[in-house]
Amino acid sequence: MPAPRRAVRTTVALSAAALLVPLAACGNGDETDSASSGGGTLTVLAAASLTDVFKEAGAAYEKDHPGWKVRFSFAGSQELASQVKQGAPADVVVTADTETMDGLGDETAKPSVIAKNRLVIAVRKGNPQDVGELGDLADERLKVVLAAPEVPVGRYSREVLDAQDLQVKPVSQESDVRAVLSKVRLGEADAGVVYRTDATTAPEKVSAIEIPDQENAVADYPAAVLDKPQHEAEAQEFVKWLGGAKAQGLLRQAGFQKP
């Protein structure tokens, strides 16, 4: 049976609060770094589906910008929004949908879309349950896991399922796309709906079933400088850099589509 929405929201709120602690603890050190070395630490709140590619992008940015370090906090976009609204000491936020970013209103500067993504059905390696299309997820014999409705990938998943008039009863609703992938990878679920780029991060454990474009959803990834960043100029530079050739090349290699 799906988890109650109230329980999901409580979990999300507690997770967001927990993520705020390490960020706040590191806040004062950034100004010292900047003053003493001409650089500092840029803090970026980023959607969980960007975890692997942004670690590469961060290393590339640091190489191009001596003296600067990039520290990421990865979570579901709804948790990132909660951190921003609670005043997390950060510079940039990158979400997996425009709706969450738009909900931040004046908390950010004007966002720019840096990448796009699509959904796939993640199944255990070899597809032992012979899942072939979205309609198969309505089979009650399957253990299907989805992200919670508050999470962008969860909302996208329900949009595509509703468009096909499919009634899917997930065995759990997760706080971000990586948690969905983990359930499938560990064999705790037969199938789950994730982004195409997430499925490719676990090829030894997970297979991806493509969803036709006419049945799929396109996820936009907007990036924006926070209204009160710790390092405004460098934050603006980082967002600009994400739209440049080097970062875009890394995003294409990871399977993201051009904005």
C-alpha atoms as a PDB file:
ATOM      1  CA  MET A   1       0.000   0.000   0.000  1.00  0.00           C
ATOM      2  CA  PRO A   2       1.318   3.542  -0.716  1.00  0.00           C
ATOM      3  CA  ALA A   3       2.807   5.377   2.231  1.00  0.00           C
ATOM      4  CA  PRO A   4       0.496   8.087   3.657  1.00  0.00           C
ATOM      5  CA  ARG A   5       1.235  11.508   2.189  1.00  0.00           C
ATOM      6  CA  ARG A   6       1.545  13.026   5.682  1.00  0.00           C
ATOM      7  CA  ALA A   7       4.252  10.511   6.574  1.00  0.00           C
ATOM      8  CA  VAL A   8       6.129  11.234   3.362  1.00  0.00           C
ATOM      9  CA  ARG A   9       6.049  14.980   4.011  1.00  0.00           C
ATOM     10  CA  THR A  10       7.274  14.495   7.555  1.00  0.00           C
ATOM     11  CA  THR A  11      10.196  12.407   6.319  1.00  0.00           C
ATOM     12  CA  VAL A  12      11.065  15.023   3.712  1.00  0.00           C
ATOM     13  CA  ALA A  13      10.962  17.829   6.254  1.00  0.00           C
ATOM     14  CA  LEU A  14      13.202  15.957   8.695  1.00  0.00           C
ATOM     15  CA  SER A  15      15.644  15.103   5.898  1.00  0.00           C
ATOM     16  CA  ALA A  16      15.831  18.731   4.835  1.00  0.00           C
ATOM     17  CA  ALA A  17      16.480  19.837   8.408  1.00  0.00           C
ATOM     18  CA  ALA A  18      19.242  17.258   8.776  1.00  0.00           C
ATOM     19  CA  LEU A  19      20.907  18.442   5.586  1.00  0.00           C
ATOM     20  CA  LEU A  20      20.953  22.009   6.835  1.00  0.00           C
ATOM     21  CA  VAL A  21      23.220  21.152   9.782  1.00  0.00           C
ATOM     22  CA  PRO A  22      26.481  20.383   7.925  1.00  0.00           C
ATOM     23  CA  LEU A  23      25.957  23.346   5.599  1.00  0.00           C
ATOM     24  CA  ALA A  24      25.492  25.762   8.469  1.00  0.00           C
ATOM     25  CA  ALA A  25      28.491  24.346  10.290  1.00  0.00           C
ATOM     26  CA  CYS A  26      30.724  25.158   7.344  1.00  0.00           C
ATOM     27  CA  GLY A  27      29.344  28.637   6.626  1.00  0.00           C
ATOM     28  CA  ASN A  28      31.868  30.807   8.441  1.00  0.00           C
ATOM     29  CA  GLY A  29      34.913  29.105   6.956  1.00  0.00           C
ATOM     30  CA  ASP A  30      34.068  30.136   3.390  1.00  0.00           C
ATOM     31  CA  GLU A  31      34.617  33.837   3.998  1.00  0.00           C
ATOM     32  CA  THR A  32      38.018  33.153   5.566  1.00  0.00           C
ATOM     33  CA  ASP A  33      39.037  31.022   2.606  1.00  0.00           C
ATOM     34  CA  SER A  34      37.980  33.726   0.175  1.00  0.00           C
ATOM     35  CA  ALA A  35      39.784  36.502   2.007  1.00  0.00           C
ATOM     36  CA  SER A  36      43.038  34.610   2.535  1.00  0.00           C
ATOM     37  CA  SER A  37      43.487  32.865  -0.816  1.00  0.00           C
ATOM     38  CA  GLY A  38      41.542  34.813  -3.411  1.00  0.00           C
ATOM     39  CA  GLY A  39      39.248  31.802  -3.648  1.00  0.00           C
ATOM     40  CA  GLY A  40      36.818  29.979  -1.419  1.00  0.00           C
ATOM     41  CA  THR A  41      34.224  27.247  -1.301  1.00  0.00           C
ATOM     42  CA  LEU A  42      31.164  27.430  -3.504  1.00  0.00           C
ATOM     43  CA  THR A  43      28.180  25.547  -2.066  1.00  0.00           C
ATOM     44  CA  VAL A  44      25.760  24.079  -4.599  1.00  0.00           C
ATOM     45  CA  LEU A  45      22.428  22.460  -3.737  1.00  0.00           C
ATOM     46  CA  ALA A  46      21.717  19.971  -6.526  1.00  0.00           C
ATOM     47  CA  ALA A  47      19.071  17.418  -7.469  1.00  0.00           C
ATOM     48  CA  ALA A  48      19.964  13.822  -6.565  1.00  0.00           C
ATOM     49  CA  SER A  49      19.923  12.741 -10.216  1.00  0.00           C
ATOM     50  CA  LEU A  50      22.908  15.029 -10.850  1.00  0.00           C
ATOM     51  CA  THR A  51      25.112  13.309  -8.252  1.00  0.00           C
ATOM     52  CA  ASP A  52      27.558  11.497 -10.527  1.00  0.00           C
ATOM     53  CA  VAL A  53      27.910  14.043 -13.309  1.00  0.00           C
ATOM     54  CA  PHE A  54      28.190  17.012 -10.937  1.00  0.00           C
ATOM     55  CA  LYS A  55      31.027  15.358  -9.044  1.00  0.00           C
ATOM     56  CA  GLU A  56      32.898  15.282 -12.348  1.00  0.00           C
ATOM     57  CA  ALA A  57      31.781  18.803 -13.198  1.00  0.00           C
ATOM     58  CA  GLY A  58      32.920  20.081  -9.812  1.00  0.00           C
ATOM     59  CA  ALA A  59      36.407  18.680 -10.330  1.00  0.00           C
ATOM     60  CA  ALA A  60      36.555  20.239 -13.799  1.00  0.00           C
ATOM     61  CA  TYR A  61      35.382  23.609 -12.486  1.00  0.00           C
ATOM     62  CA  GLU A  62      38.005  23.588  -9.729  1.00  0.00           C
ATOM     63  CA  LYS A  63      40.688  22.883 -12.327  1.00  0.00           C
ATOM     64  CA  ASP A  64      39.493  25.827 -14.417  1.00  0.00           C
ATOM     65  CA  HIS A  65      39.187  28.119 -11.364  1.00  0.00           C
ATOM     66  CA  PRO A  66      42.265  27.759  -9.122  1.00  0.00           C
ATOM     67  CA  GLY A  67      41.616  28.592  -5.490  1.00  0.00           C
ATOM     68  CA  TRP A  68      37.964  27.596  -5.618  1.00  0.00           C
ATOM     69  CA  LYS A  69      36.357  24.436  -4.295  1.00  0.00           C
ATOM     70  CA  VAL A  70      32.842  23.242  -5.083  1.00  0.00           C
ATOM     71  CA  ARG A  71      30.880  21.517  -2.315  1.00  0.00           C
ATOM     72  CA  PHE A  72      27.628  19.800  -3.298  1.00  0.00           C
ATOM     73  CA  SER A  73      24.587  18.896  -1.235  1.00  0.00           C
ATOM     74  CA  PHE A  74      22.510  16.365  -3.194  1.00  0.00           C
ATOM     75  CA  ALA A  75      18.858  15.648  -2.374  1.00  0.00           C
ATOM     76  CA  GLY A  76      15.386  15.562  -3.861  1.00  0.00           C
ATOM     77  CA  SER A  77      14.447  18.919  -5.367  1.00  0.00           C
ATOM     78  CA  GLN A  78      11.680  19.431  -2.799  1.00  0.00           C
ATOM     79  CA  GLU A  79      14.261  19.041  -0.015  1.00  0.00           C
ATOM     80  CA  LEU A  80      16.562  21.535  -1.718  1.00  0.00           C
ATOM     81  CA  ALA A  81      13.716  24.039  -1.896  1.00  0.00           C
ATOM     82  CA  SER A  82      13.078  23.544   1.810  1.00  0.00           C
ATOM     83  CA  GLN A  83      16.746  24.223   2.564  1.00  0.00           C
ATOM     84  CA  VAL A  84      16.672  27.438   0.536  1.00  0.00           C
ATOM     85  CA  LYS A  85      13.518  28.664   2.267  1.00  0.00           C
ATOM     86  CA  GLN A  86      15.077  27.929   5.661  1.00  0.00           C
ATOM     87  CA  GLY A  87      18.103  30.052   4.799  1.00  0.00           C
ATOM     88  CA  ALA A  88      20.743  27.399   4.125  1.00  0.00           C
ATOM     89  CA  PRO A  89      24.175  29.016   3.581  1.00  0.00           C
ATOM     90  CA  ALA A  90      24.633  28.216  -0.100  1.00  0.00           C
ATOM     91  CA  ASP A  91      25.332  29.875  -3.432  1.00  0.00           C
ATOM     92  CA  VAL A  92      23.550  27.979  -6.215  1.00  0.00           C
ATOM     93  CA  VAL A  93      20.552  25.659  -6.473  1.00  0.00           C
ATOM     94  CA  VAL A  94      19.853  23.236  -9.352  1.00  0.00           C
ATOM     95  CA  THR A  95      16.523  21.398  -9.380  1.00  0.00           C
ATOM     96  CA  ALA A  96      15.096  18.633 -11.585  1.00  0.00           C
ATOM     97  CA  ASP A  97      12.027  20.636 -12.567  1.00  0.00           C
ATOM     98  CA  THR A  98      10.962  24.198 -13.227  1.00  0.00           C
ATOM     99  CA  GLU A  99       7.924  23.942 -10.920  1.00  0.00           C
ATOM    100  CA  THR A 100      10.069  23.586  -7.798  1.00  0.00           C
ATOM    101  CA  MET A 101      12.403  26.362  -8.921  1.00  0.00           C
ATOM    102  CA  ASP A 102       9.474  28.671  -9.735  1.00  0.00           C
ATOM    103  CA  GLY A 103       8.119  28.002  -6.250  1.00  0.00           C
ATOM    104  CA  LEU A 104      11.206  29.650  -4.765  1.00  0.00           C
ATOM    105  CA  GLY A 105      10.126  32.991  -6.223  1.00  0.00           C
ATOM    106  CA  ASP A 106      12.384  35.827  -5.081  1.00  0.00           C
ATOM    107  CA  GLU A 107      14.689  33.425  -3.220  1.00  0.00           C
ATOM    108  CA  THR A 108      16.781  33.095  -6.408  1.00  0.00           C
ATOM    109  CA  ALA A 109      17.947  35.118  -9.371  1.00  0.00           C
ATOM    110  CA  LYS A 110      16.503  34.280 -12.795  1.00  0.00           C
ATOM    111  CA  PRO A 111      17.166  30.565 -13.476  1.00  0.00           C
ATOM    112  CA  SER A 112      18.507  29.058 -16.684  1.00  0.00           C
ATOM    113  CA  VAL A 113      17.870  25.493 -17.874  1.00  0.00           C
ATOM    114  CA  ILE A 114      21.158  23.599 -18.175  1.00  0.00           C
ATOM    115  CA  ALA A 115      19.903  20.129 -19.218  1.00  0.00           C
ATOM    116  CA  LYS A 116      16.912  17.911 -19.897  1.00  0.00           C
ATOM    117  CA  ASN A 117      16.143  14.296 -18.995  1.00  0.00           C
ATOM    118  CA  ARG A 118      13.581  11.574 -19.669  1.00  0.00           C
ATOM    119  CA  LEU A 119      12.055   8.695 -17.765  1.00  0.00           C
ATOM    120  CA  VAL A 120      12.736   4.975 -18.093  1.00  0.00           C
ATOM    121  CA  ILE A 121      11.479   1.905 -16.260  1.00  0.00           C
ATOM    122  CA  ALA A 122      14.285   0.461 -14.139  1.00  0.00           C
ATOM    123  CA  VAL A 123      14.153  -3.307 -13.600  1.00  0.00           C
ATOM    124  CA  ARG A 124      16.517  -5.825 -12.092  1.00  0.00           C
ATOM    125  CA  LYS A 125      19.335  -6.890 -14.400  1.00  0.00           C
ATOM    126  CA  GLY A 126      18.085  -9.247 -17.067  1.00  0.00           C
ATOM    127  CA  ASN A 127      14.466  -8.155 -16.532  1.00  0.00           C
ATOM    128  CA  PRO A 128      13.337 -11.375 -14.778  1.00  0.00           C
ATOM    129  CA  GLN A 129       9.702 -10.205 -14.594  1.00  0.00           C
ATOM    130  CA  ASP A 130       9.653  -9.493 -18.341  1.00  0.00           C
ATOM    131  CA  VAL A 131       8.513  -5.882 -17.999  1.00  0.00           C
ATOM    132  CA  GLY A 132       8.120  -4.363 -21.440  1.00  0.00           C
ATOM    133  CA  GLU A 133       6.031  -1.204 -21.160  1.00  0.00           C
ATOM    134  CA  LEU A 134       4.290   1.188 -18.798  1.00  0.00           C
ATOM    135  CA  GLY A 135       1.126  -0.933 -18.824  1.00  0.00           C
ATOM    136  CA  ASP A 136       2.995  -3.792 -17.150  1.00  0.00           C
ATOM    137  CA  LEU A 137       3.476  -1.684 -14.016  1.00  0.00           C
ATOM    138  CA  ALA A 138      -0.246  -1.992 -13.282  1.00  0.00           C
ATOM    139  CA  ASP A 139       0.181  -5.740 -12.697  1.00  0.00           C
ATOM    140  CA  GLU A 140      -0.428  -6.157  -8.963  1.00  0.00           C
ATOM    141  CA  ARG A 141       1.943  -9.130  -8.882  1.00  0.00           C
ATOM    142  CA  LEU A 142       4.839  -6.716  -9.494  1.00  0.00           C
ATOM    143  CA  LYS A 143       6.540  -4.835  -6.693  1.00  0.00           C
ATOM    144  CA  VAL A 144       6.714  -1.326  -8.139  1.00  0.00           C
ATOM    145  CA  VAL A 145       8.392   1.595  -6.378  1.00  0.00           C
ATOM    146  CA  LEU A 146       7.910   5.260  -7.265  1.00  0.00           C
ATOM    147  CA  ALA A 147       9.181   8.529  -5.870  1.00  0.00           C
ATOM    148  CA  ALA A 148       6.776  10.456  -3.653  1.00  0.00           C
ATOM    149  CA  PRO A 149       4.382  12.880  -5.415  1.00  0.00           C
ATOM    150  CA  GLU A 150       6.276  15.854  -3.931  1.00  0.00           C
ATOM    151  CA  VAL A 151       9.449  14.763  -5.767  1.00  0.00           C
ATOM    152  CA  PRO A 152       9.832  15.879  -9.413  1.00  0.00           C
ATOM    153  CA  VAL A 153      10.442  12.352 -10.736  1.00  0.00           C
ATOM    154  CA  GLY A 154       7.463  11.158  -8.698  1.00  0.00           C
ATOM    155  CA  ARG A 155       5.265  13.843 -10.219  1.00  0.00           C
ATOM    156  CA  TYR A 156       6.537  13.078 -13.734  1.00  0.00           C
ATOM    157  CA  SER A 157       5.925   9.351 -13.141  1.00  0.00           C
ATOM    158  CA  ARG A 158       2.317   9.902 -12.149  1.00  0.00           C
ATOM    159  CA  GLU A 159       1.760  12.227 -15.093  1.00  0.00           C
ATOM    160  CA  VAL A 160       2.821   9.589 -17.615  1.00  0.00           C
ATOM    161  CA  LEU A 161       0.906   6.826 -15.822  1.00  0.00           C
ATOM    162  CA  ASP A 162      -2.242   8.950 -15.573  1.00  0.00           C
ATOM    163  CA  ALA A 163      -1.980   9.856 -19.259  1.00  0.00           C
ATOM    164  CA  GLN A 164      -2.184   6.128 -20.051  1.00  0.00           C
ATOM    165  CA  ASP A 165      -5.012   5.676 -17.517  1.00  0.00           C
ATOM    166  CA  LEU A 166      -2.899   3.221 -15.511  1.00  0.00           C
ATOM    167  CA  GLN A 167      -3.575   2.476 -11.849  1.00  0.00           C
ATOM    168  CA  VAL A 168      -0.240   1.598 -10.240  1.00  0.00           C
ATOM    169  CA  LYS A 169      -0.018   0.822  -6.526  1.00  0.00           C
ATOM    170  CA  PRO A 170       3.613   1.322  -5.434  1.00  0.00           C
ATOM    171  CA  VAL A 171       4.955  -0.716  -2.538  1.00  0.00           C
ATOM    172  CA  SER A 172       6.817   2.401  -1.391  1.00  0.00           C
ATOM    173  CA  GLN A 173       7.186   6.085  -2.238  1.00  0.00           C
ATOM    174  CA  GLU A 174      10.738   7.372  -1.980  1.00  0.00           C
ATOM    175  CA  SER A 175      12.228  10.782  -1.177  1.00  0.00           C
ATOM    176  CA  ASP A 176      14.372  11.011  -4.333  1.00  0.00           C
ATOM    177  CA  VAL A 177      15.178   9.192  -7.557  1.00  0.00           C
ATOM    178  CA  ARG A 178      18.307   7.520  -6.184  1.00  0.00           C
ATOM    179  CA  ALA A 179      16.242   5.874  -3.451  1.00  0.00           C
ATOM    180  CA  VAL A 180      13.931   4.447  -6.136  1.00  0.00           C
ATOM    181  CA  LEU A 181      16.922   3.131  -8.063  1.00  0.00           C
ATOM    182  CA  SER A 182      18.399   1.627  -4.902  1.00  0.00           C
ATOM    183  CA  LYS A 183      15.221  -0.373  -4.210  1.00  0.00           C
ATOM    184  CA  VAL A 184      15.432  -1.952  -7.659  1.00  0.00           C
ATOM    185  CA  ARG A 185      19.203  -2.426  -7.532  1.00  0.00           C
ATOM    186  CA  LEU A 186      18.973  -4.244  -4.188  1.00  0.00           C
ATOM    187  CA  GLY A 187      16.150  -6.489  -5.372  1.00  0.00           C
ATOM    188  CA  GLU A 188      13.605  -4.935  -2.999  1.00  0.00           C
ATOM    189  CA  ALA A 189      11.407  -3.985  -5.974  1.00  0.00           C
ATOM    190  CA  ASP A 190      10.794  -5.503  -9.391  1.00  0.00           C
ATOM    191  CA  ALA A 191      10.541  -2.163 -11.166  1.00  0.00           C
ATOM    192  CA  GLY A 192      10.642   1.575 -10.635  1.00  0.00           C
ATOM    193  CA  VAL A 193      10.389   4.739 -12.709  1.00  0.00           C
ATOM    194  CA  VAL A 194      13.622   6.759 -12.758  1.00  0.00           C
ATOM    195  CA  TYR A 195      15.453   9.146 -15.034  1.00  0.00           C
ATOM    196  CA  ARG A 196      17.320   7.596 -17.932  1.00  0.00           C
ATOM    197  CA  THR A 197      20.615   8.941 -16.573  1.00  0.00           C
ATOM    198  CA  ASP A 198      20.119   7.275 -13.179  1.00  0.00           C
ATOM    199  CA  ALA A 199      19.550   3.840 -14.687  1.00  0.00           C
ATOM    200  CA  THR A 200      22.907   4.053 -16.466  1.00  0.00           C
ATOM    201  CA  THR A 201      24.775   4.492 -13.168  1.00  0.00           C
ATOM    202  CA  ALA A 202      24.125   0.873 -12.099  1.00  0.00           C
ATOM    203  CA  PRO A 203      24.490  -1.206 -15.297  1.00  0.00           C
ATOM    204  CA  GLU A 204      25.666  -4.279 -13.399  1.00  0.00           C
ATOM    205  CA  LYS A 205      22.440  -4.441 -11.363  1.00  0.00           C
ATOM    206  CA  VAL A 206      19.766  -2.600 -13.348  1.00  0.00           C
ATOM    207  CA  SER A 207      18.361  -2.708 -16.863  1.00  0.00           C
ATOM    208  CA  ALA A 208      16.422   0.169 -18.419  1.00  0.00           C
ATOM    209  CA  ILE A 209      13.180  -0.229 -20.347  1.00  0.00           C
ATOM    210  CA  GLU A 210      12.668   2.740 -22.642  1.00  0.00           C
ATOM    211  CA  ILE A 211       9.382   4.644 -22.590  1.00  0.00           C
ATOM    212  CA  PRO A 212       8.271   5.915 -26.040  1.00  0.00           C
ATOM    213  CA  ASP A 213       8.587   9.661 -26.476  1.00  0.00           C
ATOM    214  CA  GLN A 214       4.841  10.079 -27.003  1.00  0.00           C
ATOM    215  CA  GLU A 215       4.223   8.497 -23.585  1.00  0.00           C
ATOM    216  CA  ASN A 216       7.166  10.101 -21.798  1.00  0.00           C
ATOM    217  CA  ALA A 217       7.824  13.320 -19.905  1.00  0.00           C
ATOM    218  CA  VAL A 218      10.684  15.778 -20.325  1.00  0.00           C
ATOM    219  CA  ALA A 219      12.396  16.985 -17.159  1.00  0.00           C
ATOM    220  CA  ASP A 220      14.031  20.429 -17.248  1.00  0.00           C
ATOM    221  CA  TYR A 221      16.960  21.178 -14.922  1.00  0.00           C
ATOM    222  CA  PRO A 222      17.125  24.905 -14.066  1.00  0.00           C
ATOM    223  CA  ALA A 223      20.096  26.388 -12.193  1.00  0.00           C
ATOM    224  CA  ALA A 224      19.987  29.678 -10.295  1.00  0.00           C
ATOM    225  CA  VAL A 225      22.077  31.825  -7.980  1.00  0.00           C
ATOM    226  CA  LEU A 226      20.465  32.234  -4.573  1.00  0.00           C
ATOM    227  CA  ASP A 227      19.148  35.656  -3.597  1.00  0.00           C
ATOM    228  CA  LYS A 228      21.756  35.994  -0.837  1.00  0.00           C
ATOM    229  CA  PRO A 229      24.719  33.849  -1.914  1.00  0.00           C
ATOM    230  CA  GLN A 230      27.931  33.631   0.059  1.00  0.00           C
ATOM    231  CA  HIS A 231      29.957  34.296  -3.103  1.00  0.00           C
ATOM    232  CA  GLU A 232      27.777  36.109  -5.616  1.00  0.00           C
ATOM    233  CA  ALA A 233      30.268  36.692  -8.418  1.00  0.00           C
ATOM    234  CA  GLU A 234      31.577  33.136  -8.350  1.00  0.00           C
ATOM    235  CA  ALA A 235      28.044  31.733  -8.101  1.00  0.00           C
ATOM    236  CA  GLN A 236      27.115  33.641 -11.253  1.00  0.00           C
ATOM    237  CA  GLU A 237      30.258  32.327 -12.929  1.00  0.00           C
ATOM    238  CA  PHE A 238      29.410  28.734 -11.970  1.00  0.00           C
ATOM    239  CA  VAL A 239      25.887  28.920 -13.412  1.00  0.00           C
ATOM    240  CA  LYS A 240      27.307  30.453 -16.597  1.00  0.00           C
ATOM    241  CA  TRP A 241      29.968  27.703 -16.708  1.00  0.00           C
ATOM    242  CA  LEU A 242      27.277  25.003 -16.486  1.00  0.00           C
ATOM    243  CA  GLY A 243      25.933  26.263 -19.797  1.00  0.00           C
ATOM    244  CA  GLY A 244      29.370  26.231 -21.437  1.00  0.00           C
ATOM    245  CA  ALA A 245      31.032  23.637 -23.637  1.00  0.00           C
ATOM    246  CA  LYS A 246      32.949  21.727 -20.951  1.00  0.00           C
ATOM    247  CA  ALA A 247      30.035  21.234 -18.560  1.00  0.00           C
ATOM    248  CA  GLN A 248      27.621  20.524 -21.396  1.00  0.00           C
ATOM    249  CA  GLY A 249      30.003  17.893 -22.728  1.00  0.00           C
ATOM    250  CA  LEU A 250      30.028  16.144 -19.358  1.00  0.00           C
ATOM    251  CA  LEU A 251      26.229  16.281 -19.175  1.00  0.00           C
ATOM    252  CA  ARG A 252      25.893  14.763 -22.669  1.00  0.00           C
ATOM    253  CA  GLN A 253      28.321  11.978 -21.739  1.00  0.00           C
ATOM    254  CA  ALA A 254      26.188  11.208 -18.687  1.00  0.00           C
ATOM    255  CA  GLY A 255      23.088  10.906 -20.880  1.00  0.00           C
ATOM    256  CA  PHE A 256      21.440  14.267 -20.230  1.00  0.00           C
ATOM    257  CA  GLN A 257      19.906  16.034 -23.194  1.00  0.00           C
ATOM    258  CA  LYS A 258      20.789  19.536 -24.300  1.00  0.00           C
ATOM    259  CA  PRO A 259      18.645  22.323 -22.825  1.00  0.00           C
END
